[in-house]
């Protein structure tokens, strides 16, 4: 994995977090919410660069170092919510099914699946994953 885009590589967004819920004090609950707000927590307010917004097809969420959820990004949906922070919508506004994940992984379109190791990175919950 590299942090910059070499020629002819694919990209996925990876969000890594600990298994806990956070309250920002302004009404936003994020992290592992384990409920209807989980999708919003996974897709909202990330510092994602232009290249990743244009190229990434999948958003992978890892919890405590293990992939837990995968979304297919609607690339036209990226929206800047505050300067430098972006949110996306997943295709169908949902996680991928096990069958969809297996097909994307087998085709080489997805680098990680639920259950795969995905260590967190110090200093930030998001990173691009070039493969």
N, C-alpha and C. Protein backbone atom coordinates (compact mmCIF):
# COMPACT_ATOMS: atom_id res chain seq x y z
N UNK A 1 0.84 -1.17 0.00
CA UNK A 1 0.00 0.00 0.00
C UNK A 1 0.88 1.24 0.00
N UNK A 2 0.51 2.24 -0.79
CA UNK A 2 1.21 3.51 -0.81
C UNK A 2 0.23 4.62 -0.53
N UNK A 3 0.75 5.80 -0.16
CA UNK A 3 -0.12 6.93 0.17
C UNK A 3 -0.31 7.88 -1.00
N UNK A 4 0.46 7.75 -2.06
CA UNK A 4 0.25 8.57 -3.25
C UNK A 4 -0.10 7.66 -4.41
N UNK A 5 -0.72 8.22 -5.42
CA UNK A 5 -1.25 7.42 -6.51
C UNK A 5 -0.21 7.14 -7.59
N UNK A 6 0.37 5.95 -7.59
CA UNK A 6 1.22 5.57 -8.70
C UNK A 6 0.34 5.35 -9.94
N UNK A 7 0.93 5.39 -11.09
CA UNK A 7 0.18 5.21 -12.34
C UNK A 7 -0.55 3.87 -12.33
N UNK A 8 -1.75 3.86 -12.86
CA UNK A 8 -2.56 2.66 -13.06
C UNK A 8 -2.90 1.92 -11.78
N UNK A 9 -3.02 2.63 -10.68
CA UNK A 9 -3.42 1.98 -9.44
C UNK A 9 -4.86 2.35 -9.11
N UNK A 10 -5.48 1.53 -8.29
CA UNK A 10 -6.84 1.77 -7.84
C UNK A 10 -6.79 2.31 -6.42
N UNK A 11 -7.92 2.84 -5.99
CA UNK A 11 -7.97 3.47 -4.67
C UNK A 11 -9.27 3.11 -3.96
N UNK A 12 -9.17 3.00 -2.64
CA UNK A 12 -10.33 2.88 -1.76
C UNK A 12 -10.08 3.82 -0.58
N UNK A 13 -11.13 4.33 0.00
CA UNK A 13 -10.99 5.11 1.23
C UNK A 13 -11.10 4.16 2.41
N UNK A 14 -10.26 4.36 3.42
CA UNK A 14 -10.29 3.53 4.61
C UNK A 14 -10.48 4.42 5.83
N UNK A 15 -11.50 4.12 6.60
CA UNK A 15 -11.73 4.79 7.88
C UNK A 15 -11.45 3.77 8.97
N UNK A 16 -10.54 4.11 9.88
CA UNK A 16 -10.18 3.22 10.98
C UNK A 16 -10.56 3.88 12.29
N UNK A 17 -11.18 3.12 13.15
CA UNK A 17 -11.59 3.69 14.43
C UNK A 17 -11.59 2.63 15.52
N UNK A 18 -11.68 3.11 16.74
CA UNK A 18 -11.83 2.21 17.89
C UNK A 18 -13.32 1.94 18.09
N UNK A 19 -13.63 0.88 18.78
CA UNK A 19 -15.02 0.48 19.00
C UNK A 19 -15.63 1.29 20.14
N UNK A 20 -15.93 2.55 19.84
CA UNK A 20 -16.60 3.41 20.82
C UNK A 20 -17.37 4.50 20.09
N UNK A 21 -18.28 5.12 20.81
CA UNK A 21 -19.12 6.18 20.27
C UNK A 21 -18.63 7.51 20.83
N UNK A 22 -18.69 8.54 19.99
CA UNK A 22 -18.29 9.89 20.40
C UNK A 22 -19.46 10.85 20.22
N UNK A 23 -19.51 11.85 21.07
CA UNK A 23 -20.50 12.92 20.97
C UNK A 23 -19.70 14.21 20.87
N UNK A 24 -19.89 14.97 19.78
CA UNK A 24 -19.10 16.19 19.59
C UNK A 24 -19.61 17.37 20.41
N UNK A 25 -20.69 17.17 21.17
CA UNK A 25 -21.23 18.24 22.00
C UNK A 25 -22.16 19.17 21.24
N UNK A 26 -22.26 18.97 19.94
CA UNK A 26 -23.13 19.80 19.10
C UNK A 26 -24.23 18.97 18.44
N UNK A 27 -24.54 17.83 19.02
CA UNK A 27 -25.61 17.00 18.49
C UNK A 27 -25.18 15.94 17.49
N UNK A 28 -23.89 15.86 17.19
CA UNK A 28 -23.43 14.84 16.25
C UNK A 28 -22.80 13.68 17.02
N UNK A 29 -23.37 12.51 16.83
CA UNK A 29 -22.84 11.29 17.41
C UNK A 29 -22.12 10.55 16.28
N UNK A 30 -20.90 10.10 16.54
CA UNK A 30 -20.14 9.40 15.50
C UNK A 30 -19.30 8.30 16.12
N UNK A 31 -18.65 7.54 15.28
CA UNK A 31 -17.91 6.37 15.72
C UNK A 31 -18.77 5.14 15.51
N UNK A 32 -18.70 4.21 16.41
CA UNK A 32 -19.50 2.99 16.32
C UNK A 32 -20.83 3.22 17.04
N UNK A 33 -21.82 3.63 16.29
CA UNK A 33 -23.12 3.98 16.86
C UNK A 33 -24.07 2.79 16.95
N UNK A 34 -23.77 1.72 16.20
CA UNK A 34 -24.57 0.48 16.24
C UNK A 34 -26.07 0.73 16.11
N UNK A 35 -26.46 1.47 15.12
CA UNK A 35 -27.87 1.71 14.92
C UNK A 35 -28.10 2.41 13.60
N UNK A 36 -29.25 3.05 13.47
CA UNK A 36 -29.57 3.70 12.21
C UNK A 36 -28.60 4.82 11.84
N UNK A 37 -27.89 5.38 12.80
CA UNK A 37 -26.94 6.44 12.52
C UNK A 37 -25.58 5.96 12.06
N UNK A 38 -25.37 4.63 12.00
CA UNK A 38 -24.05 4.11 11.63
C UNK A 38 -23.65 4.51 10.21
N UNK A 39 -24.57 4.44 9.29
CA UNK A 39 -24.27 4.81 7.90
C UNK A 39 -23.79 6.25 7.84
N UNK A 40 -24.50 7.16 8.49
CA UNK A 40 -24.07 8.57 8.48
C UNK A 40 -22.72 8.74 9.15
N UNK A 41 -22.49 8.04 10.23
CA UNK A 41 -21.19 8.12 10.91
C UNK A 41 -20.06 7.66 10.01
N UNK A 42 -20.31 6.64 9.21
CA UNK A 42 -19.28 6.09 8.33
C UNK A 42 -19.00 6.97 7.12
N UNK A 43 -19.97 7.73 6.65
CA UNK A 43 -19.82 8.46 5.39
C UNK A 43 -19.56 9.94 5.54
N UNK A 44 -19.69 10.50 6.73
CA UNK A 44 -19.67 11.95 6.89
C UNK A 44 -18.37 12.51 7.44
N UNK A 45 -18.03 13.68 6.92
CA UNK A 45 -16.99 14.59 7.41
C UNK A 45 -15.59 13.99 7.46
N UNK A 46 -15.09 13.72 6.26
CA UNK A 46 -13.73 13.21 6.11
C UNK A 46 -12.90 14.19 5.29
N UNK A 47 -11.64 14.32 5.64
CA UNK A 47 -10.71 15.20 4.90
C UNK A 47 -10.14 14.38 3.74
N UNK A 48 -10.90 14.33 2.65
CA UNK A 48 -10.57 13.49 1.49
C UNK A 48 -10.15 14.39 0.34
N UNK A 49 -8.99 14.12 -0.24
CA UNK A 49 -8.49 14.92 -1.35
C UNK A 49 -9.21 14.67 -2.65
N UNK A 50 -9.01 15.58 -3.59
CA UNK A 50 -9.68 15.53 -4.89
C UNK A 50 -9.42 14.22 -5.63
N UNK A 51 -8.17 13.78 -5.65
CA UNK A 51 -7.83 12.56 -6.39
C UNK A 51 -8.59 11.35 -5.87
N UNK A 52 -8.68 11.22 -4.57
CA UNK A 52 -9.42 10.09 -3.98
C UNK A 52 -10.91 10.23 -4.27
N UNK A 53 -11.45 11.44 -4.17
CA UNK A 53 -12.87 11.64 -4.47
C UNK A 53 -13.19 11.26 -5.92
N UNK A 54 -12.24 11.47 -6.81
CA UNK A 54 -12.47 11.14 -8.22
C UNK A 54 -12.28 9.66 -8.52
N UNK A 55 -11.41 8.98 -7.79
CA UNK A 55 -11.02 7.61 -8.15
C UNK A 55 -11.57 6.50 -7.25
N UNK A 56 -11.76 6.77 -5.98
CA UNK A 56 -12.14 5.70 -5.05
C UNK A 56 -13.54 5.18 -5.36
N UNK A 57 -13.65 3.87 -5.45
CA UNK A 57 -14.95 3.23 -5.67
C UNK A 57 -15.54 2.68 -4.38
N UNK A 58 -14.70 2.42 -3.39
CA UNK A 58 -15.18 1.79 -2.17
C UNK A 58 -14.70 2.55 -0.94
N UNK A 59 -15.51 2.49 0.11
CA UNK A 59 -15.18 3.05 1.42
C UNK A 59 -15.20 1.88 2.39
N UNK A 60 -14.08 1.66 3.03
CA UNK A 60 -13.88 0.52 3.93
C UNK A 60 -13.79 1.04 5.35
N UNK A 61 -14.55 0.44 6.26
CA UNK A 61 -14.53 0.87 7.66
C UNK A 61 -13.95 -0.26 8.50
N UNK A 62 -12.85 0.05 9.19
CA UNK A 62 -12.21 -0.91 10.08
C UNK A 62 -12.42 -0.46 11.52
N UNK A 63 -12.66 -1.41 12.39
CA UNK A 63 -12.87 -1.14 13.80
C UNK A 63 -11.89 -1.99 14.59
N UNK A 64 -11.11 -1.33 15.44
CA UNK A 64 -10.09 -2.01 16.24
C UNK A 64 -9.19 -2.92 15.39
N UNK A 65 -8.84 -2.43 14.19
CA UNK A 65 -7.88 -3.14 13.35
C UNK A 65 -8.44 -4.22 12.45
N UNK A 66 -9.78 -4.35 12.39
CA UNK A 66 -10.40 -5.37 11.54
C UNK A 66 -11.49 -4.72 10.70
N UNK A 67 -11.51 -5.03 9.41
CA UNK A 67 -12.54 -4.49 8.52
C UNK A 67 -13.91 -4.99 8.98
N UNK A 68 -14.84 -4.04 9.12
CA UNK A 68 -16.19 -4.40 9.57
C UNK A 68 -17.27 -4.13 8.51
N UNK A 69 -17.12 -3.02 7.73
CA UNK A 69 -18.15 -2.66 6.76
C UNK A 69 -17.50 -2.15 5.48
N UNK A 70 -18.22 -2.32 4.35
CA UNK A 70 -17.76 -1.82 3.06
C UNK A 70 -18.95 -1.18 2.34
N UNK A 71 -18.70 -0.02 1.75
CA UNK A 71 -19.71 0.69 0.97
C UNK A 71 -19.16 0.92 -0.43
N UNK A 72 -20.03 0.94 -1.41
CA UNK A 72 -19.64 1.38 -2.76
C UNK A 72 -19.99 2.85 -2.85
N UNK A 73 -19.02 3.68 -3.18
CA UNK A 73 -19.20 5.13 -3.21
C UNK A 73 -19.89 5.56 -4.50
N UNK A 74 -20.92 6.39 -4.36
CA UNK A 74 -21.48 7.09 -5.51
C UNK A 74 -20.55 8.28 -5.73
N UNK A 75 -19.64 8.18 -6.69
CA UNK A 75 -18.60 9.20 -6.85
C UNK A 75 -19.14 10.59 -7.18
N UNK A 76 -20.32 10.67 -7.72
CA UNK A 76 -20.92 11.98 -8.01
C UNK A 76 -21.53 12.62 -6.77
N UNK A 77 -21.57 11.90 -5.67
CA UNK A 77 -22.26 12.38 -4.48
C UNK A 77 -21.38 13.17 -3.51
N UNK A 78 -20.07 13.20 -3.71
CA UNK A 78 -19.20 13.90 -2.76
C UNK A 78 -19.68 15.34 -2.59
N UNK A 79 -19.75 15.77 -1.34
CA UNK A 79 -20.27 17.10 -1.00
C UNK A 79 -19.40 17.68 0.12
N UNK A 80 -18.93 18.89 -0.07
CA UNK A 80 -18.11 19.55 0.96
C UNK A 80 -19.04 20.09 2.04
N UNK A 81 -18.88 19.59 3.28
CA UNK A 81 -19.76 20.00 4.37
C UNK A 81 -19.18 21.15 5.18
N UNK A 82 -17.88 21.29 5.16
CA UNK A 82 -17.18 22.44 5.74
C UNK A 82 -15.83 22.49 5.04
N UNK A 83 -15.12 23.61 5.11
CA UNK A 83 -13.88 23.73 4.34
C UNK A 83 -12.92 22.54 4.55
N UNK A 84 -12.69 21.81 3.46
CA UNK A 84 -11.76 20.68 3.49
C UNK A 84 -12.34 19.37 3.98
N UNK A 85 -13.61 19.35 4.40
CA UNK A 85 -14.25 18.13 4.90
C UNK A 85 -15.39 17.73 3.99
N UNK A 86 -15.43 16.45 3.65
CA UNK A 86 -16.34 15.95 2.64
C UNK A 86 -17.15 14.79 3.17
N UNK A 87 -18.33 14.60 2.57
CA UNK A 87 -19.14 13.42 2.83
C UNK A 87 -19.54 12.82 1.49
N UNK A 88 -19.88 11.54 1.50
CA UNK A 88 -20.33 10.85 0.29
C UNK A 88 -21.64 10.13 0.58
N UNK A 89 -22.26 9.66 -0.45
CA UNK A 89 -23.41 8.76 -0.32
C UNK A 89 -22.98 7.43 -0.92
N UNK A 90 -23.40 6.37 -0.29
CA UNK A 90 -23.13 5.04 -0.84
C UNK A 90 -24.20 4.72 -1.88
N UNK A 91 -23.83 3.92 -2.85
CA UNK A 91 -24.80 3.45 -3.83
C UNK A 91 -25.89 2.70 -3.07
N UNK A 92 -27.12 3.14 -3.24
CA UNK A 92 -28.24 2.53 -2.53
C UNK A 92 -28.33 2.93 -1.07
N UNK A 93 -27.48 3.86 -0.63
CA UNK A 93 -27.46 4.30 0.78
C UNK A 93 -27.37 3.13 1.75
N UNK A 94 -26.46 2.18 1.42
CA UNK A 94 -26.34 0.99 2.27
C UNK A 94 -24.96 0.37 2.15
N UNK A 95 -24.67 -0.51 3.10
CA UNK A 95 -23.47 -1.34 3.04
C UNK A 95 -23.61 -2.35 1.91
N UNK A 96 -22.49 -2.84 1.43
CA UNK A 96 -22.53 -3.92 0.45
C UNK A 96 -22.90 -5.24 1.14
N UNK A 97 -23.56 -6.11 0.39
CA UNK A 97 -23.87 -7.44 0.90
C UNK A 97 -22.62 -8.31 0.83
N UNK A 98 -22.65 -9.45 1.51
CA UNK A 98 -21.53 -10.39 1.45
C UNK A 98 -21.25 -10.82 0.01
N UNK A 99 -22.31 -11.06 -0.76
CA UNK A 99 -22.14 -11.49 -2.15
C UNK A 99 -21.51 -10.38 -3.00
N UNK A 100 -21.92 -9.13 -2.79
CA UNK A 100 -21.34 -8.01 -3.53
C UNK A 100 -19.86 -7.82 -3.18
N UNK A 101 -19.55 -7.97 -1.91
CA UNK A 101 -18.16 -7.85 -1.46
C UNK A 101 -17.31 -8.96 -2.08
N UNK A 102 -17.82 -10.19 -2.05
CA UNK A 102 -17.07 -11.33 -2.60
C UNK A 102 -16.81 -11.13 -4.10
N UNK A 103 -17.80 -10.64 -4.82
CA UNK A 103 -17.63 -10.43 -6.27
C UNK A 103 -16.61 -9.33 -6.55
N UNK A 104 -16.68 -8.22 -5.81
CA UNK A 104 -15.74 -7.11 -6.02
C UNK A 104 -14.32 -7.53 -5.65
N UNK A 105 -14.17 -8.29 -4.59
CA UNK A 105 -12.85 -8.76 -4.16
C UNK A 105 -12.27 -9.73 -5.20
N UNK A 106 -13.10 -10.66 -5.68
CA UNK A 106 -12.64 -11.64 -6.67
C UNK A 106 -12.23 -10.96 -7.97
N UNK A 107 -12.90 -9.86 -8.31
CA UNK A 107 -12.58 -9.12 -9.55
C UNK A 107 -11.35 -8.22 -9.38
N UNK A 108 -10.83 -8.10 -8.17
CA UNK A 108 -9.68 -7.25 -7.93
C UNK A 108 -10.05 -5.78 -7.74
N UNK A 109 -11.35 -5.50 -7.57
CA UNK A 109 -11.82 -4.12 -7.40
C UNK A 109 -11.79 -3.66 -5.95
N UNK A 110 -11.70 -4.58 -5.02
CA UNK A 110 -11.76 -4.29 -3.59
C UNK A 110 -10.57 -4.94 -2.90
N UNK A 111 -9.76 -4.17 -2.16
CA UNK A 111 -8.54 -4.74 -1.59
C UNK A 111 -8.72 -5.45 -0.25
N UNK A 112 -9.80 -5.16 0.46
CA UNK A 112 -10.01 -5.72 1.79
C UNK A 112 -11.48 -6.13 1.95
N UNK A 113 -11.71 -7.14 2.79
CA UNK A 113 -13.07 -7.62 3.06
C UNK A 113 -13.30 -7.63 4.56
N UNK A 114 -14.58 -7.65 5.00
CA UNK A 114 -14.85 -7.78 6.43
C UNK A 114 -14.12 -8.99 7.00
N UNK A 115 -13.49 -8.76 8.14
CA UNK A 115 -12.69 -9.79 8.80
C UNK A 115 -11.21 -9.66 8.52
N UNK A 116 -10.82 -8.94 7.45
CA UNK A 116 -9.41 -8.74 7.14
C UNK A 116 -8.78 -7.77 8.14
N UNK A 117 -7.50 -7.98 8.41
CA UNK A 117 -6.76 -7.05 9.27
C UNK A 117 -6.57 -5.72 8.56
N UNK A 118 -6.75 -4.65 9.30
CA UNK A 118 -6.59 -3.30 8.74
C UNK A 118 -6.17 -2.40 9.90
N UNK A 119 -4.88 -2.39 10.23
CA UNK A 119 -4.42 -1.62 11.39
C UNK A 119 -4.75 -0.14 11.28
N UNK A 120 -5.04 0.47 12.41
CA UNK A 120 -5.30 1.90 12.44
C UNK A 120 -3.98 2.63 12.24
N UNK A 121 -4.09 3.87 11.82
CA UNK A 121 -2.91 4.69 11.59
C UNK A 121 -2.93 5.83 12.59
N UNK A 122 -1.84 6.01 13.29
CA UNK A 122 -1.76 7.10 14.26
C UNK A 122 -1.91 8.44 13.55
N UNK A 123 -2.64 9.36 14.18
CA UNK A 123 -2.77 10.71 13.67
C UNK A 123 -3.93 10.95 12.74
N UNK A 124 -4.75 9.96 12.51
CA UNK A 124 -5.90 10.20 11.65
C UNK A 124 -6.72 8.95 11.43
N UNK A 125 -8.02 9.12 11.34
CA UNK A 125 -8.90 7.97 11.18
C UNK A 125 -9.10 7.60 9.72
N UNK A 126 -8.75 8.50 8.79
CA UNK A 126 -8.95 8.23 7.37
C UNK A 126 -7.60 8.16 6.66
N UNK A 127 -7.56 7.30 5.63
CA UNK A 127 -6.40 7.28 4.73
C UNK A 127 -6.84 6.70 3.39
N UNK A 128 -6.18 7.12 2.31
CA UNK A 128 -6.43 6.46 1.04
C UNK A 128 -5.66 5.14 1.02
N UNK A 129 -6.19 4.16 0.36
CA UNK A 129 -5.55 2.86 0.23
C UNK A 129 -5.36 2.60 -1.27
N UNK A 130 -4.13 2.69 -1.72
CA UNK A 130 -3.80 2.49 -3.14
C UNK A 130 -3.40 1.04 -3.34
N UNK A 131 -3.96 0.40 -4.34
CA UNK A 131 -3.66 -1.02 -4.58
C UNK A 131 -3.60 -1.33 -6.07
